Amino acid sequence: MRRFAIFAAVAMLSACSVLDKMVYRIDIPQGNYLEQRDVDQLRKGMNKEQVKYVLGQPVADNAFDNDRWMYVYQNNPNRGDIYRKELVLNFDQGRLVSMSGDFDKPAQFDTPLEQAAP
């Protein structure tokens, strides 16, 4: 009788992993979704308000360094790999000086906004 109880318990627990694949789970996107075309509008020397207009407000403010903005996007899909993209913007005296992360640097990033062609 004891063997049957152990077998039944093991069978019920293994069924949980089978049912897990049948249960639908929604994709969970979090953060700032950015596309390369949005990032391509950035120019060295933009002030913080101009960057907010182009990319939006970063999700979380950095309490320790107000001159470093991080735009992070993560999507946890129902199935498959987690998708994550990151963009870090650095400011000096309220002006954009550099960018890094998972996006390509725009070809005209080093051209100041005042000199950019319309």
PDB file of N, CA and C in Angstrom:
ATOM      1  N   MET A   1       0.821  -1.197   0.000  1.00  0.00           N
ATOM      2  CA  MET A   1       0.000   0.000   0.000  1.00  0.00           C
ATOM      3  C   MET A   1       0.865   1.263   0.000  1.00  0.00           C
ATOM      4  N   ARG A   2       1.961   1.191   0.730  1.00  0.00           N
ATOM      5  CA  ARG A   2       2.845   2.352   0.816  1.00  0.00           C
ATOM      6  C   ARG A   2       3.501   2.634  -0.539  1.00  0.00           C
ATOM      7  N   ARG A   3       3.866   1.581  -1.256  1.00  0.00           N
ATOM      8  CA  ARG A   3       4.467   1.755  -2.573  1.00  0.00           C
ATOM      9  C   ARG A   3       3.480   2.430  -3.526  1.00  0.00           C
ATOM     10  N   PHE A   4       2.214   2.047  -3.415  1.00  0.00           N
ATOM     11  CA  PHE A   4       1.205   2.651  -4.269  1.00  0.00           C
ATOM     12  C   PHE A   4       1.065   4.142  -3.979  1.00  0.00           C
ATOM     13  N   ALA A   5       1.115   4.532  -2.717  1.00  0.00           N
ATOM     14  CA  ALA A   5       0.999   5.947  -2.342  1.00  0.00           C
ATOM     15  C   ALA A   5       2.186   6.742  -2.885  1.00  0.00           C
ATOM     16  N   ILE A   6       3.383   6.166  -2.788  1.00  0.00           N
ATOM     17  CA  ILE A   6       4.572   6.848  -3.320  1.00  0.00           C
ATOM     18  C   ILE A   6       4.471   6.962  -4.837  1.00  0.00           C
ATOM     19  N   PHE A   7       4.063   5.884  -5.503  1.00  0.00           N
ATOM     20  CA  PHE A   7       3.901   5.907  -6.956  1.00  0.00           C
ATOM     21  C   PHE A   7       2.865   6.949  -7.376  1.00  0.00           C
ATOM     22  N   ALA A   8       1.756   7.013  -6.661  1.00  0.00           N
ATOM     23  CA  ALA A   8       0.696   7.978  -6.985  1.00  0.00           C
ATOM     24  C   ALA A   8       1.196   9.416  -6.795  1.00  0.00           C
ATOM     25  N   ALA A   9       1.959   9.650  -5.743  1.00  0.00           N
ATOM     26  CA  ALA A   9       2.488  10.991  -5.490  1.00  0.00           C
ATOM     27  C   ALA A   9       3.467  11.411  -6.583  1.00  0.00           C
ATOM     28  N   VAL A  10       4.340  10.497  -6.988  1.00  0.00           N
ATOM     29  CA  VAL A  10       5.306  10.789  -8.053  1.00  0.00           C
ATOM     30  C   VAL A  10       4.573  11.033  -9.371  1.00  0.00           C
ATOM     31  N   ALA A  11       3.566  10.242  -9.665  1.00  0.00           N
ATOM     32  CA  ALA A  11       2.805  10.396 -10.902  1.00  0.00           C
ATOM     33  C   ALA A  11       2.081  11.743 -10.925  1.00  0.00           C
ATOM     34  N   MET A  12       1.515  12.143  -9.806  1.00  0.00           N
ATOM     35  CA  MET A  12       0.799  13.420  -9.753  1.00  0.00           C
ATOM     36  C   MET A  12       1.764  14.594  -9.902  1.00  0.00           C
ATOM     37  N   LEU A  13       2.932  14.509  -9.299  1.00  0.00           N
ATOM     38  CA  LEU A  13       3.901  15.602  -9.408  1.00  0.00           C
ATOM     39  C   LEU A  13       4.479  15.707 -10.813  1.00  0.00           C
ATOM     40  N   SER A  14       4.685  14.597 -11.485  1.00  0.00           N
ATOM     41  CA  SER A  14       5.208  14.644 -12.840  1.00  0.00           C
ATOM     42  C   SER A  14       4.159  15.173 -13.806  1.00  0.00           C
ATOM     43  N   ALA A  15       2.902  15.005 -13.494  1.00  0.00           N
ATOM     44  CA  ALA A  15       1.830  15.525 -14.346  1.00  0.00           C
ATOM     45  C   ALA A  15       1.829  17.050 -14.340  1.00  0.00           C
ATOM     46  N   CYS A  16       2.316  17.680 -13.283  1.00  0.00           N
ATOM     47  CA  CYS A  16       2.360  19.144 -13.226  1.00  0.00           C
ATOM     48  C   CYS A  16       3.232  19.709 -14.335  1.00  0.00           C
ATOM     49  N   SER A  17       4.344  19.066 -14.610  1.00  0.00           N
ATOM     50  CA  SER A  17       5.219  19.571 -15.670  1.00  0.00           C
ATOM     51  C   SER A  17       4.580  19.393 -17.042  1.00  0.00           C
ATOM     52  N   VAL A  18       3.758  18.385 -17.223  1.00  0.00           N
ATOM     53  CA  VAL A  18       3.055  18.188 -18.487  1.00  0.00           C
ATOM     54  C   VAL A  18       1.977  19.248 -18.646  1.00  0.00           C
ATOM     55  N   LEU A  19       1.243  19.523 -17.596  1.00  0.00           N
ATOM     56  CA  LEU A  19       0.187  20.531 -17.648  1.00  0.00           C
ATOM     57  C   LEU A  19       0.759  21.939 -17.806  1.00  0.00           C
ATOM     58  N   ASP A  20       1.971  22.146 -17.345  1.00  0.00           N
ATOM     59  CA  ASP A  20       2.599  23.461 -17.444  1.00  0.00           C
ATOM     60  C   ASP A  20       2.715  23.911 -18.895  1.00  0.00           C
ATOM     61  N   LYS A  21       2.938  22.963 -19.816  1.00  0.00           N
ATOM     62  CA  LYS A  21       3.064  23.299 -21.230  1.00  0.00           C
ATOM     63  C   LYS A  21       1.713  23.602 -21.857  1.00  0.00           C
ATOM     64  N   MET A  22       0.647  23.162 -21.233  1.00  0.00           N
ATOM     65  CA  MET A  22      -0.682  23.386 -21.783  1.00  0.00           C
ATOM     66  C   MET A  22      -1.308  24.691 -21.302  1.00  0.00           C
ATOM     67  N   VAL A  23      -0.771  25.259 -20.245  1.00  0.00           N
ATOM     68  CA  VAL A  23      -1.320  26.482 -19.674  1.00  0.00           C
ATOM     69  C   VAL A  23      -0.804  27.684 -20.456  1.00  0.00           C
ATOM     70  N   TYR A  24      -1.705  28.586 -20.862  1.00  0.00           N
ATOM     71  CA  TYR A  24      -1.314  29.777 -21.607  1.00  0.00           C
ATOM     72  C   TYR A  24      -0.830  30.844 -20.632  1.00  0.00           C
ATOM     73  N   ARG A  25       0.290  31.436 -20.952  1.00  0.00           N
ATOM     74  CA  ARG A  25       0.826  32.550 -20.163  1.00  0.00           C
ATOM     75  C   ARG A  25       1.060  33.713 -21.107  1.00  0.00           C
ATOM     76  N   ILE A  26       0.693  34.900 -20.682  1.00  0.00           N
ATOM     77  CA  ILE A  26       0.838  36.068 -21.543  1.00  0.00           C
ATOM     78  C   ILE A  26       2.289  36.524 -21.587  1.00  0.00           C
ATOM     79  N   ASP A  27       2.656  37.195 -22.688  1.00  0.00           N
ATOM     80  CA  ASP A  27       3.969  37.827 -22.778  1.00  0.00           C
ATOM     81  C   ASP A  27       3.966  39.032 -21.849  1.00  0.00           C
ATOM     82  N   ILE A  28       5.093  39.269 -21.188  1.00  0.00           N
ATOM     83  CA  ILE A  28       5.176  40.365 -20.235  1.00  0.00           C
ATOM     84  C   ILE A  28       6.232  41.363 -20.699  1.00  0.00           C
ATOM     85  N   PRO A  29       5.820  42.441 -21.411  1.00  0.00           N
ATOM     86  CA  PRO A  29       6.785  43.471 -21.794  1.00  0.00           C
ATOM     87  C   PRO A  29       6.948  44.482 -20.665  1.00  0.00           C
ATOM     88  N   GLN A  30       8.182  44.904 -20.430  1.00  0.00           N
ATOM     89  CA  GLN A  30       8.457  45.880 -19.373  1.00  0.00           C
ATOM     90  C   GLN A  30       9.484  46.880 -19.864  1.00  0.00           C
ATOM     91  N   GLY A  31       9.292  48.143 -19.524  1.00  0.00           N
ATOM     92  CA  GLY A  31      10.289  49.164 -19.820  1.00  0.00           C
ATOM     93  C   GLY A  31       9.930  50.024 -21.009  1.00  0.00           C
ATOM     94  N   ASN A  32      10.966  50.658 -21.564  1.00  0.00           N
ATOM     95  CA  ASN A  32      10.820  51.556 -22.710  1.00  0.00           C
ATOM     96  C   ASN A  32      11.100  50.785 -23.996  1.00  0.00           C
ATOM     97  N   TYR A  33      10.076  50.618 -24.837  1.00  0.00           N
ATOM     98  CA  TYR A  33      10.299  49.974 -26.127  1.00  0.00           C
ATOM     99  C   TYR A  33      10.820  51.033 -27.089  1.00  0.00           C
ATOM    100  N   LEU A  34      12.023  50.838 -27.593  1.00  0.00           N
ATOM    101  CA  LEU A  34      12.641  51.766 -28.541  1.00  0.00           C
ATOM    102  C   LEU A  34      12.968  51.024 -29.822  1.00  0.00           C
ATOM    103  N   GLU A  35      12.942  51.749 -30.920  1.00  0.00           N
ATOM    104  CA  GLU A  35      13.375  51.222 -32.202  1.00  0.00           C
ATOM    105  C   GLU A  35      14.584  52.021 -32.659  1.00  0.00           C
ATOM    106  N   GLN A  36      15.339  51.446 -33.579  1.00  0.00           N
ATOM    107  CA  GLN A  36      16.542  52.112 -34.073  1.00  0.00           C
ATOM    108  C   GLN A  36      16.197  53.459 -34.709  1.00  0.00           C
ATOM    109  N   ARG A  37      15.036  53.563 -35.365  1.00  0.00           N
ATOM    110  CA  ARG A  37      14.669  54.837 -35.997  1.00  0.00           C
ATOM    111  C   ARG A  37      14.459  55.941 -34.968  1.00  0.00           C
ATOM    112  N   ASP A  38      14.041  55.591 -33.761  1.00  0.00           N
ATOM    113  CA  ASP A  38      13.922  56.586 -32.690  1.00  0.00           C
ATOM    114  C   ASP A  38      15.304  57.035 -32.222  1.00  0.00           C
ATOM    115  N   VAL A  39      16.190  56.069 -32.044  1.00  0.00           N
ATOM    116  CA  VAL A  39      17.545  56.355 -31.573  1.00  0.00           C
ATOM    117  C   VAL A  39      18.314  57.170 -32.620  1.00  0.00           C
ATOM    118  N   ASP A  40      18.007  56.958 -33.907  1.00  0.00           N
ATOM    119  CA  ASP A  40      18.684  57.684 -34.982  1.00  0.00           C
ATOM    120  C   ASP A  40      18.425  59.189 -34.942  1.00  0.00           C
ATOM    121  N   GLN A  41      17.442  59.625 -34.195  1.00  0.00           N
ATOM    122  CA  GLN A  41      17.136  61.048 -34.095  1.00  0.00           C
ATOM    123  C   GLN A  41      17.984  61.762 -33.044  1.00  0.00           C
ATOM    124  N   LEU A  42      18.742  61.012 -32.255  1.00  0.00           N
ATOM    125  CA  LEU A  42      19.566  61.625 -31.207  1.00  0.00           C
ATOM    126  C   LEU A  42      20.767  62.331 -31.814  1.00  0.00           C
ATOM    127  N   ARG A  43      21.130  63.466 -31.218  1.00  0.00           N
ATOM    128  CA  ARG A  43      22.300  64.243 -31.635  1.00  0.00           C
ATOM    129  C   ARG A  43      23.058  64.690 -30.390  1.00  0.00           C
ATOM    130  N   LYS A  44      24.345  64.713 -30.520  1.00  0.00           N
ATOM    131  CA  LYS A  44      25.200  65.208 -29.440  1.00  0.00           C
ATOM    132  C   LYS A  44      24.828  66.669 -29.177  1.00  0.00           C
ATOM    133  N   GLY A  45      24.715  67.027 -27.918  1.00  0.00           N
ATOM    134  CA  GLY A  45      24.389  68.397 -27.549  1.00  0.00           C
ATOM    135  C   GLY A  45      22.912  68.641 -27.284  1.00  0.00           C
ATOM    136  N   MET A  46      22.065  67.636 -27.516  1.00  0.00           N
ATOM    137  CA  MET A  46      20.632  67.806 -27.209  1.00  0.00           C
ATOM    138  C   MET A  46      20.463  67.984 -25.711  1.00  0.00           C
ATOM    139  N   ASN A  47      19.505  68.821 -25.315  1.00  0.00           N
ATOM    140  CA  ASN A  47      19.238  68.942 -23.882  1.00  0.00           C
ATOM    141  C   ASN A  47      18.281  67.827 -23.450  1.00  0.00           C
ATOM    142  N   LYS A  48      18.053  67.726 -22.170  1.00  0.00           N
ATOM    143  CA  LYS A  48      17.257  66.622 -21.632  1.00  0.00           C
ATOM    144  C   LYS A  48      15.812  66.663 -22.122  1.00  0.00           C
ATOM    145  N   GLU A  49      15.255  67.852 -22.274  1.00  0.00           N
ATOM    146  CA  GLU A  49      13.879  67.963 -22.761  1.00  0.00           C
ATOM    147  C   GLU A  49      13.758  67.473 -24.195  1.00  0.00           C
ATOM    148  N   GLN A  50      14.747  67.757 -25.020  1.00  0.00           N
ATOM    149  CA  GLN A  50      14.726  67.283 -26.404  1.00  0.00           C
ATOM    150  C   GLN A  50      14.831  65.755 -26.458  1.00  0.00           C
ATOM    151  N   VAL A  51      15.659  65.189 -25.609  1.00  0.00           N
ATOM    152  CA  VAL A  51      15.783  63.724 -25.563  1.00  0.00           C
ATOM    153  C   VAL A  51      14.475  63.101 -25.089  1.00  0.00           C
ATOM    154  N   LYS A  52      13.824  63.705 -24.099  1.00  0.00           N
ATOM    155  CA  LYS A  52      12.527  63.196 -23.632  1.00  0.00           C
ATOM    156  C   LYS A  52      11.487  63.255 -24.749  1.00  0.00           C
ATOM    157  N   TYR A  53      11.545  64.290 -25.568  1.00  0.00           N
ATOM    158  CA  TYR A  53      10.602  64.418 -26.676  1.00  0.00           C
ATOM    159  C   TYR A  53      10.808  63.298 -27.698  1.00  0.00           C
ATOM    160  N   VAL A  54      12.057  62.937 -27.944  1.00  0.00           N
ATOM    161  CA  VAL A  54      12.370  61.913 -28.942  1.00  0.00           C
ATOM    162  C   VAL A  54      12.132  60.501 -28.405  1.00  0.00           C
ATOM    163  N   LEU A  55      12.610  60.213 -27.204  1.00  0.00           N
ATOM    164  CA  LEU A  55      12.570  58.841 -26.672  1.00  0.00           C
ATOM    165  C   LEU A  55      11.555  58.619 -25.556  1.00  0.00           C
ATOM    166  N   GLY A  56      11.086  59.693 -24.948  1.00  0.00           N
ATOM    167  CA  GLY A  56      10.212  59.547 -23.789  1.00  0.00           C
ATOM    168  C   GLY A  56      11.023  59.534 -22.504  1.00  0.00           C
ATOM    169  N   GLN A  57      10.330  59.557 -21.410  1.00  0.00           N
ATOM    170  CA  GLN A  57      10.943  59.553 -20.082  1.00  0.00           C
ATOM    171  C   GLN A  57      11.481  58.162 -19.762  1.00  0.00           C
ATOM    172  N   PRO A  58      12.707  58.063 -19.217  1.00  0.00           N
ATOM    173  CA  PRO A  58      13.177  56.733 -18.784  1.00  0.00           C
ATOM    174  C   PRO A  58      12.242  56.166 -17.715  1.00  0.00           C
ATOM    175  N   VAL A  59      12.133  54.856 -17.674  1.00  0.00           N
ATOM    176  CA  VAL A  59      11.209  54.218 -16.740  1.00  0.00           C
ATOM    177  C   VAL A  59      11.556  54.533 -15.286  1.00  0.00           C
ATOM    178  N   ALA A  60      12.838  54.457 -14.951  1.00  0.00           N
ATOM    179  CA  ALA A  60      13.257  54.691 -13.569  1.00  0.00           C
ATOM    180  C   ALA A  60      14.306  55.791 -13.526  1.00  0.00           C
ATOM    181  N   ASP A  61      14.149  56.685 -12.569  1.00  0.00           N
ATOM    182  CA  ASP A  61      15.148  57.729 -12.376  1.00  0.00           C
ATOM    183  C   ASP A  61      16.303  57.180 -11.555  1.00  0.00           C
ATOM    184  N   ASN A  62      17.507  57.606 -11.906  1.00  0.00           N
ATOM    185  CA  ASN A  62      18.689  57.205 -11.157  1.00  0.00           C
ATOM    186  C   ASN A  62      18.899  58.220 -10.038  1.00  0.00           C
ATOM    187  N   ALA A  63      18.702  57.807  -8.817  1.00  0.00           N
ATOM    188  CA  ALA A  63      18.805  58.707  -7.679  1.00  0.00           C
ATOM    189  C   ALA A  63      20.246  59.138  -7.402  1.00  0.00           C
ATOM    190  N   PHE A  64      21.211  58.393  -7.883  1.00  0.00           N
ATOM    191  CA  PHE A  64      22.609  58.683  -7.579  1.00  0.00           C
ATOM    192  C   PHE A  64      23.317  59.466  -8.680  1.00  0.00           C
ATOM    193  N   ASP A  65      22.823  59.359  -9.921  1.00  0.00           N
ATOM    194  CA  ASP A  65      23.484  60.036 -11.037  1.00  0.00           C
ATOM    195  C   ASP A  65      22.418  60.517 -12.020  1.00  0.00           C
ATOM    196  N   ASN A  66      22.046  61.788 -11.902  1.00  0.00           N
ATOM    197  CA  ASN A  66      20.996  62.359 -12.738  1.00  0.00           C
ATOM    198  C   ASN A  66      21.465  62.585 -14.174  1.00  0.00           C
ATOM    199  N   ASP A  67      22.762  62.481 -14.430  1.00  0.00           N
ATOM    200  CA  ASP A  67      23.303  62.703 -15.762  1.00  0.00           C
ATOM    201  C   ASP A  67      23.498  61.406 -16.546  1.00  0.00           C
ATOM    202  N   ARG A  68      22.923  60.333 -16.081  1.00  0.00           N
ATOM    203  CA  ARG A  68      22.994  59.041 -16.781  1.00  0.00           C
ATOM    204  C   ARG A  68      21.589  58.467 -16.834  1.00  0.00           C
ATOM    205  N   TRP A  69      21.069  58.348 -18.041  1.00  0.00           N
ATOM    206  CA  TRP A  69      19.729  57.808 -18.231  1.00  0.00           C
ATOM    207  C   TRP A  69      19.831  56.430 -18.852  1.00  0.00           C
ATOM    208  N   MET A  70      19.033  55.514 -18.338  1.00  0.00           N
ATOM    209  CA  MET A  70      19.018  54.146 -18.864  1.00  0.00           C
ATOM    210  C   MET A  70      17.614  53.829 -19.363  1.00  0.00           C
ATOM    211  N   TYR A  71      17.558  53.451 -20.624  1.00  0.00           N
ATOM    212  CA  TYR A  71      16.320  52.973 -21.220  1.00  0.00           C
ATOM    213  C   TYR A  71      16.470  51.464 -21.368  1.00  0.00           C
ATOM    214  N   VAL A  72      15.641  50.722 -20.670  1.00  0.00           N
ATOM    215  CA  VAL A  72      15.729  49.259 -20.685  1.00  0.00           C
ATOM    216  C   VAL A  72      14.371  48.701 -21.088  1.00  0.00           C
ATOM    217  N   TYR A  73      14.391  47.733 -21.999  1.00  0.00           N
ATOM    218  CA  TYR A  73      13.170  47.041 -22.408  1.00  0.00           C
ATOM    219  C   TYR A  73      13.422  45.549 -22.305  1.00  0.00           C
ATOM    220  N   GLN A  74      12.463  44.849 -21.707  1.00  0.00           N
ATOM    221  CA  GLN A  74      12.580  43.402 -21.576  1.00  0.00           C
ATOM    222  C   GLN A  74      11.219  42.777 -21.841  1.00  0.00           C
ATOM    223  N   ASN A  75      11.221  41.704 -22.603  1.00  0.00           N
ATOM    224  CA  ASN A  75       9.988  40.981 -22.886  1.00  0.00           C
ATOM    225  C   ASN A  75      10.192  39.528 -22.484  1.00  0.00           C
ATOM    226  N   ASN A  76       9.355  39.066 -21.572  1.00  0.00           N
ATOM    227  CA  ASN A  76       9.384  37.670 -21.139  1.00  0.00           C
ATOM    228  C   ASN A  76       8.259  36.944 -21.870  1.00  0.00           C
ATOM    229  N   PRO A  77       8.588  36.237 -22.952  1.00  0.00           N
ATOM    230  CA  PRO A  77       7.531  35.581 -23.723  1.00  0.00           C
ATOM    231  C   PRO A  77       7.038  34.309 -23.066  1.00  0.00           C
ATOM    232  N   ASN A  78       5.858  33.881 -23.506  1.00  0.00           N
ATOM    233  CA  ASN A  78       5.268  32.636 -23.027  1.00  0.00           C
ATOM    234  C   ASN A  78       6.206  31.472 -23.310  1.00  0.00           C
ATOM    235  N   ARG A  79       6.781  31.459 -24.487  1.00  0.00           N
ATOM    236  CA  ARG A  79       7.738  30.421 -24.887  1.00  0.00           C
ATOM    237  C   ARG A  79       8.941  31.113 -25.524  1.00  0.00           C
ATOM    238  N   GLY A  80      10.085  30.543 -25.381  1.00  0.00           N
ATOM    239  CA  GLY A  80      11.266  31.080 -26.046  1.00  0.00           C
ATOM    240  C   GLY A  80      12.147  31.900 -25.123  1.00  0.00           C
ATOM    241  N   ASP A  81      13.102  32.583 -25.753  1.00  0.00           N
ATOM    242  CA  ASP A  81      14.099  33.337 -25.009  1.00  0.00           C
ATOM    243  C   ASP A  81      13.587  34.703 -24.586  1.00  0.00           C
ATOM    244  N   ILE A  82      14.143  35.218 -23.512  1.00  0.00           N
ATOM    245  CA  ILE A  82      13.829  36.559 -23.039  1.00  0.00           C
ATOM    246  C   ILE A  82      14.526  37.559 -23.956  1.00  0.00           C
ATOM    247  N   TYR A  83      13.791  38.586 -24.384  1.00  0.00           N
ATOM    248  CA  TYR A  83      14.316  39.621 -25.266  1.00  0.00           C
ATOM    249  C   TYR A  83      14.612  40.851 -24.423  1.00  0.00           C
ATOM    250  N   ARG A  84      15.842  41.379 -24.508  1.00  0.00           N
ATOM    251  CA  ARG A  84      16.230  42.535 -23.700  1.00  0.00           C
ATOM    252  C   ARG A  84      17.081  43.478 -24.540  1.00  0.00           C
ATOM    253  N   LYS A  85      16.745  44.772 -24.479  1.00  0.00           N
ATOM    254  CA  LYS A  85      17.514  45.817 -25.163  1.00  0.00           C
ATOM    255  C   LYS A  85      17.767  46.932 -24.161  1.00  0.00           C
ATOM    256  N   GLU A  86      18.937  47.552 -24.294  1.00  0.00           N
ATOM    257  CA  GLU A  86      19.340  48.588 -23.348  1.00  0.00           C
ATOM    258  C   GLU A  86      19.996  49.747 -24.089  1.00  0.00           C
ATOM    259  N   LEU A  87      19.713  50.969 -23.626  1.00  0.00           N
ATOM    260  CA  LEU A  87      20.343  52.175 -24.154  1.00  0.00           C
ATOM    261  C   LEU A  87      20.723  53.052 -22.972  1.00  0.00           C
ATOM    262  N   VAL A  88      21.991  53.465 -22.931  1.00  0.00           N
ATOM    263  CA  VAL A  88      22.479  54.325 -21.853  1.00  0.00           C
ATOM    264  C   VAL A  88      22.901  55.660 -22.457  1.00  0.00           C
ATOM    265  N   LEU A  89      22.338  56.742 -21.921  1.00  0.00           N
ATOM    266  CA  LEU A  89      22.671  58.086 -22.383  1.00  0.00           C
ATOM    267  C   LEU A  89      23.382  58.825 -21.261  1.00  0.00           C
ATOM    268  N   ASN A  90      24.481  59.503 -21.594  1.00  0.00           N
ATOM    269  CA  ASN A  90      25.238  60.279 -20.612  1.00  0.00           C
ATOM    270  C   ASN A  90      25.148  61.753 -20.963  1.00  0.00           C
ATOM    271  N   PHE A  91      24.890  62.565 -19.948  1.00  0.00           N
ATOM    272  CA  PHE A  91      24.763  64.006 -20.096  1.00  0.00           C
ATOM    273  C   PHE A  91      25.881  64.699 -19.323  1.00  0.00           C
ATOM    274  N   ASP A  92      26.264  65.866 -19.787  1.00  0.00           N
ATOM    275  CA  ASP A  92      27.204  66.725 -19.074  1.00  0.00           C
ATOM    276  C   ASP A  92      26.640  68.134 -19.123  1.00  0.00           C
ATOM    277  N   GLN A  93      26.366  68.696 -17.956  1.00  0.00           N
ATOM    278  CA  GLN A  93      25.762  70.020 -17.825  1.00  0.00           C
ATOM    279  C   GLN A  93      24.454  70.111 -18.603  1.00  0.00           C
ATOM    280  N   GLY A  94      23.666  69.051 -18.549  1.00  0.00           N
ATOM    281  CA  GLY A  94      22.355  69.040 -19.163  1.00  0.00           C
ATOM    282  C   GLY A  94      22.341  68.773 -20.659  1.00  0.00           C
ATOM    283  N   ARG A  95      23.502  68.451 -21.253  1.00  0.00           N
ATOM    284  CA  ARG A  95      23.594  68.191 -22.696  1.00  0.00           C
ATOM    285  C   ARG A  95      24.055  66.764 -22.940  1.00  0.00           C
ATOM    286  N   LEU A  96      23.491  66.133 -23.961  1.00  0.00           N
ATOM    287  CA  LEU A  96      23.843  64.761 -24.318  1.00  0.00           C
ATOM    288  C   LEU A  96      25.265  64.711 -24.868  1.00  0.00           C
ATOM    289  N   VAL A  97      26.115  63.849 -24.277  1.00  0.00           N
ATOM    290  CA  VAL A  97      27.507  63.755 -24.721  1.00  0.00           C
ATOM    291  C   VAL A  97      27.859  62.379 -25.289  1.00  0.00           C
ATOM    292  N   SER A  98      27.192  61.313 -24.846  1.00  0.00           N
ATOM    293  CA  SER A  98      27.532  59.982 -25.357  1.00  0.00           C
ATOM    294  C   SER A  98      26.369  59.028 -25.166  1.00  0.00           C
ATOM    295  N   MET A  99      26.440  57.946 -25.925  1.00  0.00           N
ATOM    296  CA  MET A  99      25.442  56.891 -25.805  1.00  0.00           C
ATOM    297  C   MET A  99      26.125  55.534 -25.938  1.00  0.00           C
ATOM    298  N   SER A 100      25.539  54.518 -25.332  1.00  0.00           N
ATOM    299  CA  SER A 100      26.046  53.157 -25.456  1.00  0.00           C
ATOM    300  C   SER A 100      24.885  52.196 -25.264  1.00  0.00           C
ATOM    301  N   GLY A 101      25.131  50.945 -25.571  1.00  0.00           N
ATOM    302  CA  GLY A 101      24.089  49.943 -25.381  1.00  0.00           C
ATOM    303  C   GLY A 101      23.909  49.061 -26.595  1.00  0.00           C
ATOM    304  N   ASP A 102      22.701  48.552 -26.762  1.00  0.00           N
ATOM    305  CA  ASP A 102      22.396  47.574 -27.798  1.00  0.00           C
ATOM    306  C   ASP A 102      21.968  48.179 -29.129  1.00  0.00           C
ATOM    307  N   PHE A 103      21.921  49.490 -29.212  1.00  0.00           N
ATOM    308  CA  PHE A 103      21.524  50.146 -30.454  1.00  0.00           C
ATOM    309  C   PHE A 103      22.756  50.694 -31.158  1.00  0.00           C
ATOM    310  N   ASP A 104      22.674  50.767 -32.489  1.00  0.00           N
ATOM    311  CA  ASP A 104      23.764  51.359 -33.267  1.00  0.00           C
ATOM    312  C   ASP A 104      23.790  52.866 -33.055  1.00  0.00           C
ATOM    313  N   LYS A 105      24.999  53.405 -32.972  1.00  0.00           N
ATOM    314  CA  LYS A 105      25.152  54.847 -32.842  1.00  0.00           C
ATOM    315  C   LYS A 105      24.745  55.494 -34.166  1.00  0.00           C
ATOM    316  N   PRO A 106      23.871  56.511 -34.144  1.00  0.00           N
ATOM    317  CA  PRO A 106      23.457  57.160 -35.387  1.00  0.00           C
ATOM    318  C   PRO A 106      24.649  57.740 -36.137  1.00  0.00           C
ATOM    319  N   ALA A 107      24.596  57.701 -37.459  1.00  0.00           N
ATOM    320  CA  ALA A 107      25.693  58.215 -38.283  1.00  0.00           C
ATOM    321  C   ALA A 107      25.934  59.693 -38.028  1.00  0.00           C
ATOM    322  N   GLN A 108      24.878  60.435 -37.728  1.00  0.00           N
ATOM    323  CA  GLN A 108      25.020  61.878 -37.522  1.00  0.00           C
ATOM    324  C   GLN A 108      24.981  62.253 -36.037  1.00  0.00           C
ATOM    325  N   PHE A 109      25.272  61.304 -35.169  1.00  0.00           N
ATOM    326  CA  PHE A 109      25.222  61.589 -33.735  1.00  0.00           C
ATOM    327  C   PHE A 109      26.177  62.708 -33.341  1.00  0.00           C
ATOM    328  N   ASP A 110      27.379  62.722 -33.923  1.00  0.00           N
ATOM    329  CA  ASP A 110      28.371  63.719 -33.546  1.00  0.00           C
ATOM    330  C   ASP A 110      28.137  65.080 -34.208  1.00  0.00           C
ATOM    331  N   THR A 111      27.174  65.174 -35.129  1.00  0.00           N
ATOM    332  CA  THR A 111      26.824  66.448 -35.726  1.00  0.00           C
ATOM    333  C   THR A 111      25.850  67.160 -34.800  1.00  0.00           C
ATOM    334  N   PRO A 112      26.206  68.327 -34.286  1.00  0.00           N
ATOM    335  CA  PRO A 112      25.279  69.030 -33.382  1.00  0.00           C
ATOM    336  C   PRO A 112      23.932  69.299 -34.061  1.00  0.00           C
ATOM    337  N   LEU A 113      22.888  69.379 -33.286  1.00  0.00           N
ATOM    338  CA  LEU A 113      21.534  69.550 -33.791  1.00  0.00           C
ATOM    339  C   LEU A 113      21.402  70.831 -34.623  1.00  0.00           C
ATOM    340  N   GLU A 114      22.115  71.878 -34.249  1.00  0.00           N
ATOM    341  CA  GLU A 114      22.032  73.144 -34.961  1.00  0.00           C
ATOM    342  C   GLU A 114      22.603  73.035 -36.377  1.00  0.00           C
ATOM    343  N   GLN A 115      23.544  72.109 -36.593  1.00  0.00           N
ATOM    344  CA  GLN A 115      24.188  71.956 -37.893  1.00  0.00           C
ATOM    345  C   GLN A 115      23.546  70.860 -38.741  1.00  0.00           C
ATOM    346  N   ALA A 116      22.608  70.119 -38.191  1.00  0.00           N
ATOM    347  CA  ALA A 116      21.992  69.006 -38.918  1.00  0.00           C
ATOM    348  C   ALA A 116      21.156  69.554 -40.071  1.00  0.00           C
ATOM    349  N   ALA A 117      21.155  68.823 -41.170  1.00  0.00           N
ATOM    350  CA  ALA A 117      20.368  69.212 -42.345  1.00  0.00           C
ATOM    351  C   ALA A 117      18.899  68.973 -42.050  1.00  0.00           C
ATOM    352  N   PRO A 118      17.984  69.825 -42.561  1.00  0.00           N
ATOM    353  CA  PRO A 118      16.549  69.647 -42.276  1.00  0.00           C
ATOM    354  C   PRO A 118      15.968  68.429 -42.921  1.00  0.00           C
TER     355      PRO A 118
END
